[in-house]
Amino acid sequence: MEARKDWSKTWTSAAAIHGAVGYTDKKHYSLSDVMGLTGHAFRMNIDPDSVNAAGPTSFPGGYILRRNLCNLGFTSCLADPSAPLTPDKVERTIALVQQSIDRGVPAIAFDLFVPEFGLIYGYDDDKQLFYAKDVSKDGTLTYEQFANPKIDLLFVTTISESLPHSKYEVLRMALSMIVDHARGKEWTHVFGDRFAHGLAGYDAWIGVMERRGADEYGNAYNTAVIADAREFAERFLREVAFRWDGANVVERTVRKHAGEAAARYGTVAEALGRLRELFPFPEGGRPKDPAEADRAIRLLRQAREAEEEGVRQLEQLFHFMKEYYSEVWVN
């Protein structure tokens, strides 16, 4: 029997946002809340050549994380200078990190110890050190190491002002982001031609399986990340349906569509969970084996069909939410 899921952990490293938000006035947001409201529970970026391990983090981080933080009710600051880095840009980026830490909120960064998102939560100017944590370790890196990332840019996002967004605004913005991503309408910058995003990711993934071309490690990693994300999607939607318990038409409509979408995402999570058993990470299974690949194709088609219906429910809810702005509505 599979162990009970730990809802305090996720394979989506962009959920480092949750760690930073925990030091703000919105620390009441659970990891499920953050995964859902930022849209990361609904994200899919698939490399159509081999399902490369780079897929889950192949999106324009500055744009996406700033929208994520806006959804949660924050303004934010961004540093993403490209290499070669000038001393001035390095100095300004380090200052941005220090200013956030001085306010008591960790900075969100990429490629600290491995090419994933993590947090910088302390610094020592005398020793020229940052204290940081990502999925691989909790440790230190020098300012010099920080200024020489392995990728071609220096990436940091910090949380600024907290805004008094209502639950109506927060959900409406989240749905906008979720639907844009699913329908391929999201701005993808340099990643657009290299990866299939949203629902199109299923077709790309199936195509790789049909060609028997999946990379064992990358396929298993994408499976682990996306299966975990869809489990959070189902939980988030069920919690939305439970919490929106008012009697007016908006609350009733949110309950209806969120509940129906949750049922569809439950089917998605179940299918992808079986795919995860087929291709465990990091071992990878045998995705090039014809029988295993054909089984994977059936599971991916089952997940795609359910997710397409789930997205339709969320799309209908989004278009409804765009028309209503009342905080108190006697109806």
C-alpha atoms as a PDB file:
ATOM      1  CA  MET A   1       0.000   0.000   0.000  1.00  0.00           C
ATOM      2  CA  GLU A   2       1.317   3.454  -0.940  1.00  0.00           C
ATOM      3  CA  ALA A   3       2.292   5.631   2.030  1.00  0.00           C
ATOM      4  CA  ARG A   4      -0.003   8.511   2.911  1.00  0.00           C
ATOM      5  CA  LYS A   5       1.022  11.670   1.081  1.00  0.00           C
ATOM      6  CA  ASP A   6       2.889  14.367   3.016  1.00  0.00           C
ATOM      7  CA  TRP A   7       1.062  17.571   2.045  1.00  0.00           C
ATOM      8  CA  SER A   8       3.888  19.698   3.495  1.00  0.00           C
ATOM      9  CA  LYS A   9       6.253  18.654   0.685  1.00  0.00           C
ATOM     10  CA  THR A  10       6.181  18.810  -3.099  1.00  0.00           C
ATOM     11  CA  TRP A  11       8.343  17.933  -6.087  1.00  0.00           C
ATOM     12  CA  THR A  12       7.686  21.407  -7.556  1.00  0.00           C
ATOM     13  CA  SER A  13      10.691  23.474  -6.520  1.00  0.00           C
ATOM     14  CA  ALA A  14       8.962  26.733  -7.505  1.00  0.00           C
ATOM     15  CA  ALA A  15       6.908  26.112  -4.373  1.00  0.00           C
ATOM     16  CA  ALA A  16       9.869  27.726  -2.597  1.00  0.00           C
ATOM     17  CA  ILE A  17       7.401  30.611  -2.827  1.00  0.00           C
ATOM     18  CA  HIS A  18       5.542  28.945   0.025  1.00  0.00           C
ATOM     19  CA  GLY A  19       8.657  29.057   2.184  1.00  0.00           C
ATOM     20  CA  ALA A  20       9.063  32.790   1.614  1.00  0.00           C
ATOM     21  CA  VAL A  21       5.364  33.571   2.093  1.00  0.00           C
ATOM     22  CA  GLY A  22       5.579  31.826   5.469  1.00  0.00           C
ATOM     23  CA  TYR A  23       7.506  34.851   6.759  1.00  0.00           C
ATOM     24  CA  THR A  24       4.804  37.349   5.756  1.00  0.00           C
ATOM     25  CA  ASP A  25       1.347  38.344   6.965  1.00  0.00           C
ATOM     26  CA  LYS A  26      -0.036  35.651   4.634  1.00  0.00           C
ATOM     27  CA  LYS A  27       1.653  32.764   6.402  1.00  0.00           C
ATOM     28  CA  HIS A  28      -1.774  31.142   6.757  1.00  0.00           C
ATOM     29  CA  TYR A  29      -1.490  29.910   3.163  1.00  0.00           C
ATOM     30  CA  SER A  30      -0.841  26.165   3.136  1.00  0.00           C
ATOM     31  CA  LEU A  31       1.362  24.489   0.544  1.00  0.00           C
ATOM     32  CA  SER A  32      -1.822  23.277  -1.187  1.00  0.00           C
ATOM     33  CA  ASP A  33      -3.083  26.886  -1.306  1.00  0.00           C
ATOM     34  CA  VAL A  34       0.175  28.104  -2.823  1.00  0.00           C
ATOM     35  CA  MET A  35       0.397  25.258  -5.350  1.00  0.00           C
ATOM     36  CA  GLY A  36      -3.137  25.984  -6.503  1.00  0.00           C
ATOM     37  CA  LEU A  37      -3.228  29.777  -6.422  1.00  0.00           C
ATOM     38  CA  THR A  38       0.101  30.073  -8.261  1.00  0.00           C
ATOM     39  CA  GLY A  39      -1.008  27.525 -10.867  1.00  0.00           C
ATOM     40  CA  HIS A  40       1.985  25.254 -10.268  1.00  0.00           C
ATOM     41  CA  ALA A  41      -0.350  22.378  -9.375  1.00  0.00           C
ATOM     42  CA  PHE A  42      -1.666  22.628 -12.956  1.00  0.00           C
ATOM     43  CA  ARG A  43       1.614  23.195 -14.817  1.00  0.00           C
ATOM     44  CA  MET A  44       3.154  20.932 -17.459  1.00  0.00           C
ATOM     45  CA  ASN A  45       6.189  21.649 -19.651  1.00  0.00           C
ATOM     46  CA  ILE A  46       7.215  18.672 -21.790  1.00  0.00           C
ATOM     47  CA  ASP A  47      10.284  18.341 -23.990  1.00  0.00           C
ATOM     48  CA  PRO A  48       8.894  16.799 -27.225  1.00  0.00           C
ATOM     49  CA  ASP A  49      12.182  15.075 -28.112  1.00  0.00           C
ATOM     50  CA  SER A  50      12.895  12.924 -25.052  1.00  0.00           C
ATOM     51  CA  VAL A  51      10.879  14.270 -22.054  1.00  0.00           C
ATOM     52  CA  ASN A  52      14.060  15.858 -20.743  1.00  0.00           C
ATOM     53  CA  ALA A  53      14.472  16.494 -17.008  1.00  0.00           C
ATOM     54  CA  ALA A  54      14.728  20.249 -17.682  1.00  0.00           C
ATOM     55  CA  GLY A  55      11.006  20.412 -18.474  1.00  0.00           C
ATOM     56  CA  PRO A  56       9.517  21.205 -15.055  1.00  0.00           C
ATOM     57  CA  THR A  57      11.600  24.378 -14.630  1.00  0.00           C
ATOM     58  CA  SER A  58      11.547  25.466 -18.289  1.00  0.00           C
ATOM     59  CA  PHE A  59       9.392  28.559 -18.053  1.00  0.00           C
ATOM     60  CA  PRO A  60      10.170  32.295 -17.800  1.00  0.00           C
ATOM     61  CA  GLY A  61      10.762  32.403 -14.052  1.00  0.00           C
ATOM     62  CA  GLY A  62      10.705  36.162 -13.586  1.00  0.00           C
ATOM     63  CA  TYR A  63       7.373  36.561 -15.353  1.00  0.00           C
ATOM     64  CA  ILE A  64       5.743  33.506 -13.797  1.00  0.00           C
ATOM     65  CA  LEU A  65       6.907  34.064 -10.212  1.00  0.00           C
ATOM     66  CA  ARG A  66       5.874  37.716 -10.283  1.00  0.00           C
ATOM     67  CA  ARG A  67       2.387  36.664 -11.431  1.00  0.00           C
ATOM     68  CA  ASN A  68       2.431  33.968  -8.736  1.00  0.00           C
ATOM     69  CA  LEU A  69       3.165  36.514  -6.030  1.00  0.00           C
ATOM     70  CA  CYS A  70       0.563  38.907  -7.409  1.00  0.00           C
ATOM     71  CA  ASN A  71      -2.022  36.106  -7.208  1.00  0.00           C
ATOM     72  CA  LEU A  72      -1.127  35.642  -3.551  1.00  0.00           C
ATOM     73  CA  GLY A  73      -1.418  39.373  -2.860  1.00  0.00           C
ATOM     74  CA  PHE A  74       2.106  40.780  -3.093  1.00  0.00           C
ATOM     75  CA  THR A  75       4.137  43.168  -5.167  1.00  0.00           C
ATOM     76  CA  SER A  76       7.625  41.870  -5.906  1.00  0.00           C
ATOM     77  CA  CYS A  77      11.103  42.758  -7.105  1.00  0.00           C
ATOM     78  CA  LEU A  78      13.122  40.901  -9.745  1.00  0.00           C
ATOM     79  CA  ALA A  79      16.755  40.537 -10.714  1.00  0.00           C
ATOM     80  CA  ASP A  80      17.523  38.431 -13.782  1.00  0.00           C
ATOM     81  CA  PRO A  81      20.602  39.919 -15.482  1.00  0.00           C
ATOM     82  CA  SER A  82      22.088  37.726 -18.203  1.00  0.00           C
ATOM     83  CA  ALA A  83      25.706  36.617 -18.410  1.00  0.00           C
ATOM     84  CA  PRO A  84      28.255  38.052 -18.698  1.00  0.00           C
ATOM     85  CA  LEU A  85      27.368  39.795 -15.451  1.00  0.00           C
ATOM     86  CA  THR A  86      28.721  43.266 -14.733  1.00  0.00           C
ATOM     87  CA  PRO A  87      29.966  44.117 -11.207  1.00  0.00           C
ATOM     88  CA  ASP A  88      27.190  46.720 -10.892  1.00  0.00           C
ATOM     89  CA  LYS A  89      24.416  44.214 -11.619  1.00  0.00           C
ATOM     90  CA  VAL A  90      25.913  41.669  -9.230  1.00  0.00           C
ATOM     91  CA  GLU A  91      26.146  44.314  -6.501  1.00  0.00           C
ATOM     92  CA  ARG A  92      22.550  45.427  -7.045  1.00  0.00           C
ATOM     93  CA  THR A  93      21.302  41.837  -7.013  1.00  0.00           C
ATOM     94  CA  ILE A  94      23.131  41.071  -3.778  1.00  0.00           C
ATOM     95  CA  ALA A  95      21.686  44.256  -2.273  1.00  0.00           C
ATOM     96  CA  LEU A  96      18.176  43.157  -3.311  1.00  0.00           C
ATOM     97  CA  VAL A  97      18.664  39.853  -1.475  1.00  0.00           C
ATOM     98  CA  GLN A  98      20.048  41.561   1.629  1.00  0.00           C
ATOM     99  CA  GLN A  99      17.208  44.082   1.749  1.00  0.00           C
ATOM    100  CA  SER A 100      14.649  41.273   1.697  1.00  0.00           C
ATOM    101  CA  ILE A 101      16.448  39.326   4.425  1.00  0.00           C
ATOM    102  CA  ASP A 102      16.702  42.513   6.512  1.00  0.00           C
ATOM    103  CA  ARG A 103      12.894  42.766   6.292  1.00  0.00           C
ATOM    104  CA  GLY A 104      12.689  39.203   7.600  1.00  0.00           C
ATOM    105  CA  VAL A 105      11.628  37.524   4.339  1.00  0.00           C
ATOM    106  CA  PRO A 106      13.872  35.054   2.443  1.00  0.00           C
ATOM    107  CA  ALA A 107      14.688  35.756  -1.199  1.00  0.00           C
ATOM    108  CA  ILE A 108      13.616  33.257  -3.867  1.00  0.00           C
ATOM    109  CA  ALA A 109      16.488  32.280  -6.159  1.00  0.00           C
ATOM    110  CA  PHE A 110      17.340  29.734  -8.858  1.00  0.00           C
ATOM    111  CA  ASP A 111      20.444  27.564  -9.238  1.00  0.00           C
ATOM    112  CA  LEU A 112      21.833  27.938  -5.734  1.00  0.00           C
ATOM    113  CA  PHE A 113      23.283  24.441  -5.338  1.00  0.00           C
ATOM    114  CA  VAL A 114      21.395  22.672  -8.164  1.00  0.00           C
ATOM    115  CA  PRO A 115      19.316  24.095 -11.064  1.00  0.00           C
ATOM    116  CA  GLU A 116      16.076  24.342  -9.075  1.00  0.00           C
ATOM    117  CA  PHE A 117      14.356  27.080  -7.063  1.00  0.00           C
ATOM    118  CA  GLY A 118      15.412  27.695  -3.466  1.00  0.00           C
ATOM    119  CA  LEU A 119      15.616  30.299  -0.705  1.00  0.00           C
ATOM    120  CA  ILE A 120      18.362  32.599   0.546  1.00  0.00           C
ATOM    121  CA  TYR A 121      17.537  33.236   4.191  1.00  0.00           C
ATOM    122  CA  GLY A 122      20.654  34.850   5.690  1.00  0.00           C
ATOM    123  CA  TYR A 123      23.955  36.545   4.924  1.00  0.00           C
ATOM    124  CA  ASP A 124      27.293  37.450   6.512  1.00  0.00           C
ATOM    125  CA  ASP A 125      28.869  40.490   4.896  1.00  0.00           C
ATOM    126  CA  ASP A 126      32.131  40.042   6.777  1.00  0.00           C
ATOM    127  CA  LYS A 127      32.565  36.500   5.486  1.00  0.00           C
ATOM    128  CA  GLN A 128      30.915  37.327   2.125  1.00  0.00           C
ATOM    129  CA  LEU A 129      28.493  34.406   2.567  1.00  0.00           C
ATOM    130  CA  PHE A 130      24.852  33.648   1.885  1.00  0.00           C
ATOM    131  CA  TYR A 131      22.908  31.059   3.882  1.00  0.00           C
ATOM    132  CA  ALA A 132      20.620  29.205   1.510  1.00  0.00           C
ATOM    133  CA  LYS A 133      18.491  26.119   1.016  1.00  0.00           C
ATOM    134  CA  ASP A 134      17.188  24.217  -1.981  1.00  0.00           C
ATOM    135  CA  VAL A 135      16.039  20.661  -2.652  1.00  0.00           C
ATOM    136  CA  SER A 136      19.612  19.341  -2.517  1.00  0.00           C
ATOM    137  CA  LYS A 137      21.040  20.951   0.637  1.00  0.00           C
ATOM    138  CA  ASP A 138      20.920  23.601   3.335  1.00  0.00           C
ATOM    139  CA  GLY A 139      24.270  25.374   3.437  1.00  0.00           C
ATOM    140  CA  THR A 140      26.335  28.382   2.445  1.00  0.00           C
ATOM    141  CA  LEU A 141      27.642  29.832  -0.772  1.00  0.00           C
ATOM    142  CA  THR A 142      30.024  32.709  -1.196  1.00  0.00           C
ATOM    143  CA  TYR A 143      29.037  35.920  -2.901  1.00  0.00           C
ATOM    144  CA  GLU A 144      31.493  34.944  -5.638  1.00  0.00           C
ATOM    145  CA  GLN A 145      29.778  31.581  -6.159  1.00  0.00           C
ATOM    146  CA  PHE A 146      26.398  33.303  -6.201  1.00  0.00           C
ATOM    147  CA  ALA A 147      27.660  35.723  -8.865  1.00  0.00           C
ATOM    148  CA  ASN A 148      28.798  32.854 -11.115  1.00  0.00           C
ATOM    149  CA  PRO A 149      25.686  30.759 -11.747  1.00  0.00           C
ATOM    150  CA  LYS A 150      25.911  27.633 -13.884  1.00  0.00           C
ATOM    151  CA  ILE A 151      23.018  28.899 -16.010  1.00  0.00           C
ATOM    152  CA  ASP A 152      23.296  32.039 -18.137  1.00  0.00           C
ATOM    153  CA  LEU A 153      21.561  34.439 -15.758  1.00  0.00           C
ATOM    154  CA  LEU A 154      21.452  35.477 -12.106  1.00  0.00           C
ATOM    155  CA  PHE A 155      17.890  34.997 -10.865  1.00  0.00           C
ATOM    156  CA  VAL A 156      16.321  36.410  -7.696  1.00  0.00           C
ATOM    157  CA  THR A 157      12.750  37.381  -6.827  1.00  0.00           C
ATOM    158  CA  THR A 158      11.824  39.074  -3.565  1.00  0.00           C
ATOM    159  CA  ILE A 159       8.496  39.819  -1.901  1.00  0.00           C
ATOM    160  CA  SER A 160       7.659  43.477  -1.350  1.00  0.00           C
ATOM    161  CA  GLU A 161       4.349  45.006  -0.306  1.00  0.00           C
ATOM    162  CA  SER A 162       1.432  42.893   0.893  1.00  0.00           C
ATOM    163  CA  LEU A 163      -1.839  43.912  -0.744  1.00  0.00           C
ATOM    164  CA  PRO A 164      -5.375  43.478   0.663  1.00  0.00           C
ATOM    165  CA  HIS A 165      -6.658  41.181  -2.084  1.00  0.00           C
ATOM    166  CA  SER A 166     -10.016  39.561  -1.415  1.00  0.00           C
ATOM    167  CA  LYS A 167     -10.586  35.861  -1.978  1.00  0.00           C
ATOM    168  CA  TYR A 168     -12.556  36.816  -5.109  1.00  0.00           C
ATOM    169  CA  GLU A 169      -9.572  38.604  -6.645  1.00  0.00           C
ATOM    170  CA  VAL A 170      -7.139  35.879  -5.632  1.00  0.00           C
ATOM    171  CA  LEU A 171      -9.191  33.067  -7.149  1.00  0.00           C
ATOM    172  CA  ARG A 172      -9.963  35.036 -10.316  1.00  0.00           C
ATOM    173  CA  MET A 173      -6.263  35.746 -10.927  1.00  0.00           C
ATOM    174  CA  ALA A 174      -5.324  32.143 -10.197  1.00  0.00           C
ATOM    175  CA  LEU A 175      -7.910  30.832 -12.651  1.00  0.00           C
ATOM    176  CA  SER A 176      -6.666  33.252 -15.305  1.00  0.00           C
ATOM    177  CA  MET A 177      -3.147  31.873 -14.948  1.00  0.00           C
ATOM    178  CA  ILE A 178      -4.250  28.229 -14.855  1.00  0.00           C
ATOM    179  CA  VAL A 179      -6.409  28.553 -17.971  1.00  0.00           C
ATOM    180  CA  ASP A 180      -3.805  30.568 -19.915  1.00  0.00           C
ATOM    181  CA  HIS A 181      -1.209  27.887 -19.253  1.00  0.00           C
ATOM    182  CA  ALA A 182      -3.515  24.986 -20.099  1.00  0.00           C
ATOM    183  CA  ARG A 183      -4.601  26.600 -23.384  1.00  0.00           C
ATOM    184  CA  GLY A 184      -1.073  27.555 -24.459  1.00  0.00           C
ATOM    185  CA  LYS A 185      -1.773  31.287 -24.139  1.00  0.00           C
ATOM    186  CA  GLU A 186       0.887  31.964 -21.530  1.00  0.00           C
ATOM    187  CA  TRP A 187       3.962  33.984 -22.512  1.00  0.00           C
ATOM    188  CA  THR A 188       6.796  31.451 -22.652  1.00  0.00           C
ATOM    189  CA  HIS A 189       9.734  33.595 -23.881  1.00  0.00           C
ATOM    190  CA  VAL A 190      12.599  31.421 -25.215  1.00  0.00           C
ATOM    191  CA  PHE A 191      10.977  28.184 -24.014  1.00  0.00           C
ATOM    192  CA  GLY A 192       7.991  28.293 -26.361  1.00  0.00           C
ATOM    193  CA  ASP A 193       9.554  26.433 -29.305  1.00  0.00           C
ATOM    194  CA  ARG A 194      11.471  23.929 -27.202  1.00  0.00           C
ATOM    195  CA  PHE A 195       8.709  22.667 -24.944  1.00  0.00           C
ATOM    196  CA  ALA A 196       5.017  21.796 -25.144  1.00  0.00           C
ATOM    197  CA  HIS A 197       3.066  23.585 -22.435  1.00  0.00           C
ATOM    198  CA  GLY A 198      -0.238  22.867 -20.749  1.00  0.00           C
ATOM    199  CA  LEU A 199      -2.611  20.369 -22.349  1.00  0.00           C
ATOM    200  CA  ALA A 200      -0.370  20.217 -25.429  1.00  0.00           C
ATOM    201  CA  GLY A 201       2.209  18.557 -23.179  1.00  0.00           C
ATOM    202  CA  TYR A 202       0.171  15.349 -23.191  1.00  0.00           C
ATOM    203  CA  ASP A 203       0.341  15.052 -26.990  1.00  0.00           C
ATOM    204  CA  ALA A 204       4.082  15.727 -26.943  1.00  0.00           C
ATOM    205  CA  TRP A 205       4.597  13.126 -24.201  1.00  0.00           C
ATOM    206  CA  ILE A 206       2.493  10.537 -26.039  1.00  0.00           C
ATOM    207  CA  GLY A 207       4.464  11.241 -29.223  1.00  0.00           C
ATOM    208  CA  VAL A 208       7.755  10.510 -27.456  1.00  0.00           C
ATOM    209  CA  MET A 209       6.327   7.254 -26.101  1.00  0.00           C
ATOM    210  CA  GLU A 210       5.084   6.240 -29.549  1.00  0.00           C
ATOM    211  CA  ARG A 211       8.611   6.752 -30.938  1.00  0.00           C
ATOM    212  CA  ARG A 212      10.071   4.852 -27.930  1.00  0.00           C
ATOM    213  CA  GLY A 213      12.326   7.846 -27.386  1.00  0.00           C
ATOM    214  CA  ALA A 214      11.854   8.760 -23.728  1.00  0.00           C
ATOM    215  CA  ASP A 215      14.936   9.425 -21.624  1.00  0.00           C
ATOM    216  CA  GLU A 216      14.706   7.126 -18.604  1.00  0.00           C
ATOM    217  CA  TYR A 217      15.823   9.683 -16.006  1.00  0.00           C
ATOM    218  CA  GLY A 218      14.000  12.671 -17.515  1.00  0.00           C
ATOM    219  CA  ASN A 219      10.761  10.802 -18.089  1.00  0.00           C
ATOM    220  CA  ALA A 220      10.736   9.523 -14.499  1.00  0.00           C
ATOM    221  CA  TYR A 221      11.474  13.003 -13.147  1.00  0.00           C
ATOM    222  CA  ASN A 222       8.700  14.652 -15.171  1.00  0.00           C
ATOM    223  CA  THR A 223       6.323  11.900 -14.096  1.00  0.00           C
ATOM    224  CA  ALA A 224       7.172  12.405 -10.420  1.00  0.00           C
ATOM    225  CA  VAL A 225       6.798  16.194 -10.603  1.00  0.00           C
ATOM    226  CA  ILE A 226       3.564  16.247 -12.602  1.00  0.00           C
ATOM    227  CA  ALA A 227       1.882  13.386 -10.716  1.00  0.00           C
ATOM    228  CA  ASP A 228       2.648  15.150  -7.440  1.00  0.00           C
ATOM    229  CA  ALA A 229       1.368  18.457  -8.833  1.00  0.00           C
ATOM    230  CA  ARG A 230      -1.961  16.952  -9.931  1.00  0.00           C
ATOM    231  CA  GLU A 231      -2.465  15.439  -6.484  1.00  0.00           C
ATOM    232  CA  PHE A 232      -2.119  18.981  -5.131  1.00  0.00           C
ATOM    233  CA  ALA A 233      -4.516  20.229  -7.833  1.00  0.00           C
ATOM    234  CA  GLU A 234      -7.224  17.825  -6.695  1.00  0.00           C
ATOM    235  CA  ARG A 235      -6.686  18.709  -3.031  1.00  0.00           C
ATOM    236  CA  PHE A 236      -6.686  22.446  -3.743  1.00  0.00           C
ATOM    237  CA  LEU A 237      -9.938  22.273  -5.702  1.00  0.00           C
ATOM    238  CA  ARG A 238     -11.661  20.165  -3.052  1.00  0.00           C
ATOM    239  CA  GLU A 239     -10.599  22.683  -0.408  1.00  0.00           C
ATOM    240  CA  VAL A 240     -11.925  25.561  -2.527  1.00  0.00           C
ATOM    241  CA  ALA A 241     -15.260  23.778  -2.903  1.00  0.00           C
ATOM    242  CA  PHE A 242     -15.391  23.233   0.876  1.00  0.00           C
ATOM    243  CA  ARG A 243     -14.346  26.756   1.907  1.00  0.00           C
ATOM    244  CA  TRP A 244     -16.631  28.679  -0.443  1.00  0.00           C
ATOM    245  CA  ASP A 245     -19.664  27.855   1.655  1.00  0.00           C
ATOM    246  CA  GLY A 246     -21.775  31.003   1.283  1.00  0.00           C
ATOM    247  CA  ALA A 247     -25.298  31.075  -0.119  1.00  0.00           C
ATOM    248  CA  ASN A 248     -24.983  33.691  -2.872  1.00  0.00           C
ATOM    249  CA  VAL A 249     -24.661  32.811  -6.549  1.00  0.00           C
ATOM    250  CA  VAL A 250     -20.891  33.361  -6.693  1.00  0.00           C
ATOM    251  CA  GLU A 251     -20.187  31.027  -3.800  1.00  0.00           C
ATOM    252  CA  ARG A 252     -22.579  28.419  -5.197  1.00  0.00           C
ATOM    253  CA  THR A 253     -20.988  28.624  -8.637  1.00  0.00           C
ATOM    254  CA  VAL A 254     -17.465  28.309  -7.240  1.00  0.00           C
ATOM    255  CA  ARG A 255     -18.518  25.220  -5.278  1.00  0.00           C
ATOM    256  CA  LYS A 256     -20.122  23.643  -8.330  1.00  0.00           C
ATOM    257  CA  HIS A 257     -17.254  24.111 -10.781  1.00  0.00           C
ATOM    258  CA  ALA A 258     -14.447  23.532  -8.271  1.00  0.00           C
ATOM    259  CA  GLY A 259     -16.095  20.328  -7.085  1.00  0.00           C
ATOM    260  CA  GLU A 260     -16.599  19.021 -10.607  1.00  0.00           C
ATOM    261  CA  ALA A 261     -13.037  19.978 -11.587  1.00  0.00           C
ATOM    262  CA  ALA A 262     -11.700  18.266  -8.454  1.00  0.00           C
ATOM    263  CA  ALA A 263     -13.340  15.007  -9.502  1.00  0.00           C
ATOM    264  CA  ARG A 264     -11.659  15.230 -12.930  1.00  0.00           C
ATOM    265  CA  TYR A 265      -8.284  16.016 -11.408  1.00  0.00           C
ATOM    266  CA  GLY A 266      -8.736  13.049  -9.095  1.00  0.00           C
ATOM    267  CA  THR A 267      -8.858  10.876 -12.230  1.00  0.00           C
ATOM    268  CA  VAL A 268      -5.780  12.664 -13.592  1.00  0.00           C
ATOM    269  CA  ALA A 269      -3.872  12.128 -10.353  1.00  0.00           C
ATOM    270  CA  GLU A 270      -4.815   8.442 -10.271  1.00  0.00           C
ATOM    271  CA  ALA A 271      -3.641   7.841 -13.853  1.00  0.00           C
ATOM    272  CA  LEU A 272      -0.389   9.719 -13.333  1.00  0.00           C
ATOM    273  CA  GLY A 273       0.141   7.938 -10.031  1.00  0.00           C
ATOM    274  CA  ARG A 274       0.055   4.640 -11.918  1.00  0.00           C
ATOM    275  CA  LEU A 275       2.480   6.106 -14.447  1.00  0.00           C
ATOM    276  CA  ARG A 276       4.771   7.036 -11.547  1.00  0.00           C
ATOM    277  CA  GLU A 277       4.717   3.405 -10.384  1.00  0.00           C
ATOM    278  CA  LEU A 278       5.650   2.340 -13.919  1.00  0.00           C
ATOM    279  CA  PHE A 279       8.564   4.788 -14.118  1.00  0.00           C
ATOM    280  CA  PRO A 280       9.892   5.339 -10.574  1.00  0.00           C
ATOM    281  CA  PHE A 281      12.424   8.105 -10.004  1.00  0.00           C
ATOM    282  CA  PRO A 282      15.409   7.966 -10.207  1.00  0.00           C
ATOM    283  CA  GLU A 283      15.579   4.391 -11.528  1.00  0.00           C
ATOM    284  CA  GLY A 284      13.388   5.312 -14.479  1.00  0.00           C
ATOM    285  CA  GLY A 285      11.858   1.996 -15.456  1.00  0.00           C
ATOM    286  CA  ARG A 286      11.828   0.937 -19.114  1.00  0.00           C
ATOM    287  CA  PRO A 287      10.031   3.629 -21.129  1.00  0.00           C
ATOM    288  CA  LYS A 288      11.583   2.401 -24.411  1.00  0.00           C
ATOM    289  CA  ASP A 289      10.153  -1.090 -23.962  1.00  0.00           C
ATOM    290  CA  PRO A 290       7.161  -1.370 -26.359  1.00  0.00           C
ATOM    291  CA  ALA A 291       4.801  -2.938 -23.825  1.00  0.00           C
ATOM    292  CA  GLU A 292       5.703  -0.412 -21.106  1.00  0.00           C
ATOM    293  CA  ALA A 293       5.495   2.506 -23.534  1.00  0.00           C
ATOM    294  CA  ASP A 294       2.076   1.398 -24.792  1.00  0.00           C
ATOM    295  CA  ARG A 295       0.819   1.105 -21.222  1.00  0.00           C
ATOM    296  CA  ALA A 296       2.127   4.619 -20.553  1.00  0.00           C
ATOM    297  CA  ILE A 297       0.313   5.923 -23.626  1.00  0.00           C
ATOM    298  CA  ARG A 298      -2.988   4.540 -22.331  1.00  0.00           C
ATOM    299  CA  LEU A 299      -2.458   6.195 -18.950  1.00  0.00           C
ATOM    300  CA  LEU A 300      -1.473   9.522 -20.532  1.00  0.00           C
ATOM    301  CA  ARG A 301      -4.564   9.483 -22.755  1.00  0.00           C
ATOM    302  CA  GLN A 302      -6.736   8.753 -19.730  1.00  0.00           C
ATOM    303  CA  ALA A 303      -5.124  11.656 -17.838  1.00  0.00           C
ATOM    304  CA  ARG A 304      -5.431  14.007 -20.816  1.00  0.00           C
ATOM    305  CA  GLU A 305      -9.138  13.284 -21.306  1.00  0.00           C
ATOM    306  CA  ALA A 306      -9.876  13.949 -17.640  1.00  0.00           C
ATOM    307  CA  GLU A 307      -7.713  17.077 -17.494  1.00  0.00           C
ATOM    308  CA  GLU A 308      -9.333  18.522 -20.606  1.00  0.00           C
ATOM    309  CA  GLU A 309     -12.706  18.289 -18.837  1.00  0.00           C
ATOM    310  CA  GLY A 310     -11.207  19.692 -15.646  1.00  0.00           C
ATOM    311  CA  VAL A 311      -9.828  22.676 -17.552  1.00  0.00           C
ATOM    312  CA  ARG A 312     -13.240  23.265 -19.158  1.00  0.00           C
ATOM    313  CA  GLN A 313     -14.776  23.484 -15.695  1.00  0.00           C
ATOM    314  CA  LEU A 314     -12.105  25.941 -14.530  1.00  0.00           C
ATOM    315  CA  GLU A 315     -12.453  27.968 -17.728  1.00  0.00           C
ATOM    316  CA  GLN A 316     -16.212  28.292 -17.206  1.00  0.00           C
ATOM    317  CA  LEU A 317     -15.615  29.357 -13.619  1.00  0.00           C
ATOM    318  CA  PHE A 318     -13.021  31.926 -14.682  1.00  0.00           C
ATOM    319  CA  HIS A 319     -15.359  33.542 -17.227  1.00  0.00           C
ATOM    320  CA  PHE A 320     -18.065  33.670 -14.560  1.00  0.00           C
ATOM    321  CA  MET A 321     -15.726  35.185 -11.967  1.00  0.00           C
ATOM    322  CA  LYS A 322     -14.661  37.944 -14.347  1.00  0.00           C
ATOM    323  CA  GLU A 323     -18.183  39.356 -14.223  1.00  0.00           C
ATOM    324  CA  TYR A 324     -18.555  39.628 -10.436  1.00  0.00           C
ATOM    325  CA  TYR A 325     -16.698  41.943  -8.081  1.00  0.00           C
ATOM    326  CA  SER A 326     -19.029  42.318  -5.097  1.00  0.00           C
ATOM    327  CA  GLU A 327     -17.514  41.665  -1.701  1.00  0.00           C
ATOM    328  CA  VAL A 328     -20.898  41.474   0.016  1.00  0.00           C
ATOM    329  CA  TRP A 329     -23.803  40.319  -2.070  1.00  0.00           C
ATOM    330  CA  VAL A 330     -27.263  39.640  -0.660  1.00  0.00           C
ATOM    331  CA  ASN A 331     -28.754  37.386  -3.282  1.00  0.00           C
END
